[in-house]
Amino acid sequence: MKIKKQMQGDVAVLSLSITLFSGAPDSQEFKDQIYELLDQGVTKFVIDLAGVKRMDSTGLGVLISALTSVRKRGGEFKLAAINDIMESILVMTKLDSIFETHKTTEAAVQSFAKA
């Protein structure tokens, strides 16, 4: 997995690039990035999933774990640029009520200013 990290103001944008987001070792790299940023005091996260083609249940679990970790530290966690397949998975699993999603990374970053 490739993870591109960039800060847009006080929002950390993590852009993932992988065909199938699944379990280890990819999930550990992702978790490490989240914890590293949390330790630096970052509390606003956008996960750009434009480069992810598919995700299995393990990948969903990784996202839920990251969301939980961020919220425990008083932060916010948003998903951006998910494809139609992954959006339908979120709806079927009712995770669309847990994750805030946005069509674009820019929209997700801007939504922090409105909060």
N, C-alpha and C. Protein backbone atom coordinates (compact mmCIF):
# COMPACT_ATOMS: atom_id res chain seq x y z
N MET A 1 0.84 -1.17 0.00
CA MET A 1 0.00 0.00 0.00
C MET A 1 0.89 1.24 0.00
N LYS A 2 0.46 2.21 -0.76
CA LYS A 2 1.11 3.51 -0.71
C LYS A 2 0.21 4.45 0.08
N ILE A 3 0.81 5.18 1.00
CA ILE A 3 0.07 6.17 1.77
C ILE A 3 0.75 7.51 1.57
N LYS A 4 0.02 8.44 0.99
CA LYS A 4 0.53 9.80 0.82
C LYS A 4 -0.08 10.65 1.91
N LYS A 5 0.77 11.27 2.69
CA LYS A 5 0.30 12.09 3.82
C LYS A 5 0.58 13.55 3.51
N GLN A 6 -0.44 14.39 3.69
CA GLN A 6 -0.22 15.82 3.56
C GLN A 6 -1.13 16.56 4.53
N MET A 7 -0.64 17.68 4.99
CA MET A 7 -1.43 18.51 5.88
C MET A 7 -2.05 19.64 5.07
N GLN A 8 -3.33 19.85 5.26
CA GLN A 8 -4.03 20.98 4.68
C GLN A 8 -4.56 21.79 5.85
N GLY A 9 -3.76 22.77 6.25
CA GLY A 9 -4.05 23.49 7.48
C GLY A 9 -3.83 22.54 8.64
N ASP A 10 -4.87 22.36 9.47
CA ASP A 10 -4.75 21.44 10.61
C ASP A 10 -5.41 20.09 10.33
N VAL A 11 -5.69 19.82 9.05
CA VAL A 11 -6.32 18.56 8.66
C VAL A 11 -5.28 17.65 7.99
N ALA A 12 -5.17 16.43 8.50
CA ALA A 12 -4.28 15.44 7.90
C ALA A 12 -5.06 14.69 6.82
N VAL A 13 -4.53 14.70 5.62
CA VAL A 13 -5.15 13.96 4.51
C VAL A 13 -4.26 12.77 4.20
N LEU A 14 -4.81 11.58 4.37
CA LEU A 14 -4.08 10.35 4.04
C LEU A 14 -4.72 9.76 2.79
N SER A 15 -3.96 9.75 1.70
CA SER A 15 -4.44 9.20 0.43
C SER A 15 -3.89 7.80 0.29
N LEU A 16 -4.79 6.82 0.19
CA LEU A 16 -4.40 5.43 0.10
C LEU A 16 -4.42 4.99 -1.36
N SER A 17 -3.47 4.16 -1.72
CA SER A 17 -3.42 3.61 -3.07
C SER A 17 -3.12 2.12 -2.98
N ILE A 18 -4.15 1.32 -3.26
CA ILE A 18 -4.02 -0.13 -3.19
C ILE A 18 -5.23 -0.74 -3.90
N THR A 19 -5.04 -1.86 -4.54
CA THR A 19 -6.16 -2.51 -5.23
C THR A 19 -7.17 -3.04 -4.23
N LEU A 20 -6.71 -3.78 -3.22
CA LEU A 20 -7.58 -4.35 -2.20
C LEU A 20 -7.07 -3.94 -0.83
N PHE A 21 -7.89 -3.19 -0.09
CA PHE A 21 -7.53 -2.79 1.27
C PHE A 21 -7.98 -3.92 2.18
N SER A 22 -7.02 -4.57 2.79
CA SER A 22 -7.32 -5.75 3.59
C SER A 22 -6.51 -5.71 4.88
N GLY A 23 -6.02 -6.87 5.29
CA GLY A 23 -5.32 -7.00 6.56
C GLY A 23 -3.85 -6.65 6.50
N ALA A 24 -3.11 -7.21 7.45
CA ALA A 24 -1.68 -6.95 7.58
C ALA A 24 -0.95 -7.33 6.30
N PRO A 25 0.18 -6.73 5.98
CA PRO A 25 0.86 -5.66 6.71
C PRO A 25 0.32 -4.27 6.40
N ASP A 26 -0.52 -4.16 5.38
CA ASP A 26 -1.03 -2.85 4.99
C ASP A 26 -1.75 -2.15 6.12
N SER A 27 -2.55 -2.89 6.86
CA SER A 27 -3.33 -2.27 7.93
C SER A 27 -2.42 -1.71 9.01
N GLN A 28 -1.33 -2.38 9.30
CA GLN A 28 -0.42 -1.89 10.34
C GLN A 28 0.23 -0.57 9.92
N GLU A 29 0.61 -0.47 8.66
CA GLU A 29 1.20 0.77 8.16
C GLU A 29 0.21 1.92 8.29
N PHE A 30 -1.05 1.66 7.96
CA PHE A 30 -2.10 2.68 8.07
C PHE A 30 -2.29 3.09 9.53
N LYS A 31 -2.41 2.11 10.41
CA LYS A 31 -2.59 2.41 11.84
C LYS A 31 -1.41 3.20 12.39
N ASP A 32 -0.20 2.82 11.99
CA ASP A 32 0.99 3.53 12.45
C ASP A 32 0.95 5.00 12.05
N GLN A 33 0.49 5.28 10.83
CA GLN A 33 0.38 6.68 10.37
C GLN A 33 -0.63 7.45 11.23
N ILE A 34 -1.76 6.82 11.51
CA ILE A 34 -2.79 7.48 12.34
C ILE A 34 -2.25 7.78 13.73
N TYR A 35 -1.63 6.79 14.37
CA TYR A 35 -1.11 6.99 15.73
C TYR A 35 0.01 8.02 15.77
N GLU A 36 0.85 8.01 14.76
CA GLU A 36 1.94 8.99 14.69
C GLU A 36 1.37 10.41 14.64
N LEU A 37 0.36 10.60 13.81
CA LEU A 37 -0.26 11.92 13.71
C LEU A 37 -1.00 12.30 15.00
N LEU A 38 -1.69 11.35 15.60
CA LEU A 38 -2.37 11.62 16.87
C LEU A 38 -1.35 12.04 17.94
N ASP A 39 -0.22 11.36 17.97
CA ASP A 39 0.83 11.70 18.94
C ASP A 39 1.41 13.10 18.69
N GLN A 40 1.29 13.58 17.45
CA GLN A 40 1.75 14.93 17.12
C GLN A 40 0.68 15.99 17.39
N GLY A 41 -0.48 15.54 17.87
CA GLY A 41 -1.55 16.46 18.22
C GLY A 41 -2.57 16.70 17.12
N VAL A 42 -2.48 15.98 16.02
CA VAL A 42 -3.45 16.12 14.94
C VAL A 42 -4.75 15.44 15.35
N THR A 43 -5.87 16.12 15.14
CA THR A 43 -7.17 15.56 15.53
C THR A 43 -8.19 15.55 14.39
N LYS A 44 -7.80 16.06 13.23
CA LYS A 44 -8.72 16.09 12.09
C LYS A 44 -8.12 15.26 10.95
N PHE A 45 -8.88 14.26 10.51
CA PHE A 45 -8.39 13.33 9.49
C PHE A 45 -9.36 13.18 8.34
N VAL A 46 -8.82 13.18 7.13
CA VAL A 46 -9.57 12.81 5.94
C VAL A 46 -8.83 11.65 5.30
N ILE A 47 -9.54 10.57 5.06
CA ILE A 47 -8.96 9.40 4.41
C ILE A 47 -9.47 9.39 2.97
N ASP A 48 -8.56 9.66 2.04
CA ASP A 48 -8.88 9.71 0.61
C ASP A 48 -8.77 8.30 0.05
N LEU A 49 -9.90 7.74 -0.34
CA LEU A 49 -9.96 6.36 -0.82
C LEU A 49 -10.07 6.26 -2.34
N ALA A 50 -9.77 7.33 -3.05
CA ALA A 50 -9.87 7.32 -4.51
C ALA A 50 -8.98 6.24 -5.12
N GLY A 51 -7.85 5.94 -4.49
CA GLY A 51 -6.91 4.95 -5.01
C GLY A 51 -7.17 3.54 -4.55
N VAL A 52 -8.28 3.31 -3.85
CA VAL A 52 -8.63 1.98 -3.36
C VAL A 52 -9.77 1.44 -4.22
N LYS A 53 -9.52 0.32 -4.85
CA LYS A 53 -10.53 -0.26 -5.74
C LYS A 53 -11.56 -1.10 -4.99
N ARG A 54 -11.07 -1.89 -4.01
CA ARG A 54 -11.97 -2.77 -3.23
C ARG A 54 -11.49 -2.81 -1.79
N MET A 55 -12.42 -3.21 -0.92
CA MET A 55 -12.10 -3.35 0.49
C MET A 55 -12.85 -4.55 1.03
N ASP A 56 -12.15 -5.37 1.82
CA ASP A 56 -12.85 -6.50 2.42
C ASP A 56 -13.21 -6.17 3.87
N SER A 57 -13.76 -7.13 4.58
CA SER A 57 -14.21 -6.89 5.95
C SER A 57 -13.06 -6.51 6.88
N THR A 58 -11.88 -7.04 6.61
CA THR A 58 -10.72 -6.68 7.42
C THR A 58 -10.37 -5.21 7.22
N GLY A 59 -10.44 -4.75 5.98
CA GLY A 59 -10.19 -3.34 5.69
C GLY A 59 -11.20 -2.44 6.38
N LEU A 60 -12.46 -2.85 6.37
CA LEU A 60 -13.48 -2.09 7.09
C LEU A 60 -13.17 -2.03 8.58
N GLY A 61 -12.71 -3.16 9.10
CA GLY A 61 -12.34 -3.21 10.52
C GLY A 61 -11.21 -2.26 10.84
N VAL A 62 -10.26 -2.14 9.93
CA VAL A 62 -9.13 -1.22 10.11
C VAL A 62 -9.65 0.22 10.16
N LEU A 63 -10.57 0.56 9.28
CA LEU A 63 -11.14 1.91 9.28
C LEU A 63 -11.93 2.18 10.57
N ILE A 64 -12.68 1.20 11.02
CA ILE A 64 -13.44 1.36 12.27
C ILE A 64 -12.49 1.55 13.45
N SER A 65 -11.43 0.77 13.48
CA SER A 65 -10.43 0.89 14.54
C SER A 65 -9.79 2.28 14.54
N ALA A 66 -9.46 2.77 13.35
CA ALA A 66 -8.85 4.09 13.24
C ALA A 66 -9.83 5.17 13.69
N LEU A 67 -11.09 5.05 13.27
CA LEU A 67 -12.12 6.00 13.66
C LEU A 67 -12.25 6.03 15.19
N THR A 68 -12.28 4.86 15.80
CA THR A 68 -12.40 4.75 17.26
C THR A 68 -11.21 5.41 17.95
N SER A 69 -10.01 5.15 17.46
CA SER A 69 -8.80 5.74 18.06
C SER A 69 -8.83 7.26 17.97
N VAL A 70 -9.23 7.78 16.82
CA VAL A 70 -9.28 9.23 16.63
C VAL A 70 -10.34 9.85 17.54
N ARG A 71 -11.51 9.24 17.60
CA ARG A 71 -12.58 9.79 18.44
C ARG A 71 -12.23 9.73 19.93
N LYS A 72 -11.51 8.70 20.35
CA LYS A 72 -11.10 8.60 21.76
C LYS A 72 -10.21 9.77 22.16
N ARG A 73 -9.52 10.34 21.19
CA ARG A 73 -8.65 11.49 21.47
C ARG A 73 -9.32 12.81 21.11
N GLY A 74 -10.64 12.76 20.94
CA GLY A 74 -11.39 13.98 20.68
C GLY A 74 -11.32 14.47 19.24
N GLY A 75 -10.92 13.59 18.34
CA GLY A 75 -10.76 13.99 16.95
C GLY A 75 -11.93 13.62 16.06
N GLU A 76 -11.79 14.00 14.79
CA GLU A 76 -12.79 13.70 13.77
C GLU A 76 -12.13 12.97 12.62
N PHE A 77 -12.90 12.13 11.96
CA PHE A 77 -12.39 11.21 10.94
C PHE A 77 -13.42 11.12 9.82
N LYS A 78 -13.01 11.49 8.60
CA LYS A 78 -13.95 11.50 7.47
C LYS A 78 -13.36 10.73 6.30
N LEU A 79 -14.24 10.12 5.52
CA LEU A 79 -13.82 9.39 4.33
C LEU A 79 -14.16 10.23 3.10
N ALA A 80 -13.30 10.14 2.09
CA ALA A 80 -13.53 10.90 0.88
C ALA A 80 -13.25 10.05 -0.35
N ALA A 81 -13.94 10.40 -1.43
CA ALA A 81 -13.71 9.84 -2.76
C ALA A 81 -13.84 8.31 -2.80
N ILE A 82 -14.87 7.79 -2.13
CA ILE A 82 -15.08 6.35 -2.19
C ILE A 82 -15.83 6.00 -3.48
N ASN A 83 -15.52 4.84 -4.03
CA ASN A 83 -16.19 4.45 -5.27
C ASN A 83 -17.57 3.86 -4.97
N ASP A 84 -18.34 3.61 -6.02
CA ASP A 84 -19.72 3.13 -5.86
C ASP A 84 -19.80 1.78 -5.14
N ILE A 85 -18.84 0.89 -5.42
CA ILE A 85 -18.84 -0.43 -4.79
C ILE A 85 -18.65 -0.29 -3.28
N MET A 86 -17.67 0.52 -2.90
CA MET A 86 -17.41 0.68 -1.46
C MET A 86 -18.54 1.44 -0.77
N GLU A 87 -19.16 2.38 -1.49
CA GLU A 87 -20.29 3.09 -0.91
C GLU A 87 -21.45 2.13 -0.64
N SER A 88 -21.69 1.21 -1.57
CA SER A 88 -22.77 0.24 -1.36
C SER A 88 -22.45 -0.71 -0.20
N ILE A 89 -21.18 -1.03 -0.02
CA ILE A 89 -20.78 -1.86 1.12
C ILE A 89 -21.06 -1.13 2.43
N LEU A 90 -20.74 0.17 2.48
CA LEU A 90 -21.02 0.95 3.68
C LEU A 90 -22.51 1.00 3.97
N VAL A 91 -23.31 1.12 2.93
CA VAL A 91 -24.77 1.16 3.11
C VAL A 91 -25.29 -0.19 3.60
N MET A 92 -24.85 -1.27 2.95
CA MET A 92 -25.32 -2.61 3.33
C MET A 92 -24.95 -2.97 4.76
N THR A 93 -23.78 -2.54 5.21
CA THR A 93 -23.32 -2.86 6.55
C THR A 93 -23.77 -1.82 7.58
N LYS A 94 -24.49 -0.81 7.10
CA LYS A 94 -24.99 0.30 7.91
C LYS A 94 -23.85 1.15 8.50
N LEU A 95 -22.66 0.99 7.94
CA LEU A 95 -21.53 1.81 8.39
C LEU A 95 -21.60 3.22 7.83
N ASP A 96 -22.52 3.45 6.89
CA ASP A 96 -22.70 4.80 6.37
C ASP A 96 -23.25 5.73 7.45
N SER A 97 -23.82 5.16 8.51
CA SER A 97 -24.30 5.98 9.63
C SER A 97 -23.19 6.29 10.63
N ILE A 98 -22.07 5.60 10.50
CA ILE A 98 -20.93 5.80 11.40
C ILE A 98 -19.88 6.71 10.78
N PHE A 99 -19.62 6.48 9.49
CA PHE A 99 -18.60 7.25 8.78
C PHE A 99 -19.24 8.44 8.06
N GLU A 100 -18.63 9.59 8.24
CA GLU A 100 -19.02 10.75 7.44
C GLU A 100 -18.25 10.66 6.13
N THR A 101 -18.97 10.70 5.01
CA THR A 101 -18.32 10.58 3.71
C THR A 101 -18.57 11.82 2.86
N HIS A 102 -17.62 12.08 1.97
CA HIS A 102 -17.70 13.21 1.05
C HIS A 102 -17.26 12.75 -0.32
N LYS A 103 -17.82 13.37 -1.34
CA LYS A 103 -17.50 13.00 -2.72
C LYS A 103 -16.04 13.27 -3.06
N THR A 104 -15.49 14.35 -2.53
CA THR A 104 -14.11 14.72 -2.83
C THR A 104 -13.33 15.00 -1.56
N THR A 105 -12.03 14.91 -1.67
CA THR A 105 -11.16 15.22 -0.54
C THR A 105 -11.32 16.69 -0.16
N GLU A 106 -11.42 17.55 -1.15
CA GLU A 106 -11.56 18.99 -0.90
C GLU A 106 -12.83 19.28 -0.09
N ALA A 107 -13.92 18.62 -0.45
CA ALA A 107 -15.17 18.81 0.27
C ALA A 107 -15.05 18.34 1.72
N ALA A 108 -14.35 17.23 1.92
CA ALA A 108 -14.16 16.70 3.28
C ALA A 108 -13.33 17.67 4.11
N VAL A 109 -12.26 18.20 3.54
CA VAL A 109 -11.41 19.15 4.27
C VAL A 109 -12.21 20.41 4.60
N GLN A 110 -12.96 20.91 3.63
CA GLN A 110 -13.77 22.13 3.86
C GLN A 110 -14.85 21.92 4.91
N SER A 111 -15.34 20.69 5.05
CA SER A 111 -16.40 20.43 6.02
C SER A 111 -15.94 20.65 7.46
N PHE A 112 -14.64 20.59 7.70
CA PHE A 112 -14.13 20.87 9.05
C PHE A 112 -14.33 22.34 9.42
N ALA A 113 -14.23 23.21 8.43
CA ALA A 113 -14.38 24.65 8.68
C ALA A 113 -15.82 24.99 9.05
N LYS A 114 -16.78 24.18 8.56
CA LYS A 114 -18.19 24.43 8.81
C LYS A 114 -18.64 23.89 10.17
N ALA A 115 -17.83 23.01 10.74
CA ALA A 115 -18.23 22.36 12.00
C ALA A 115 -18.10 23.29 13.18
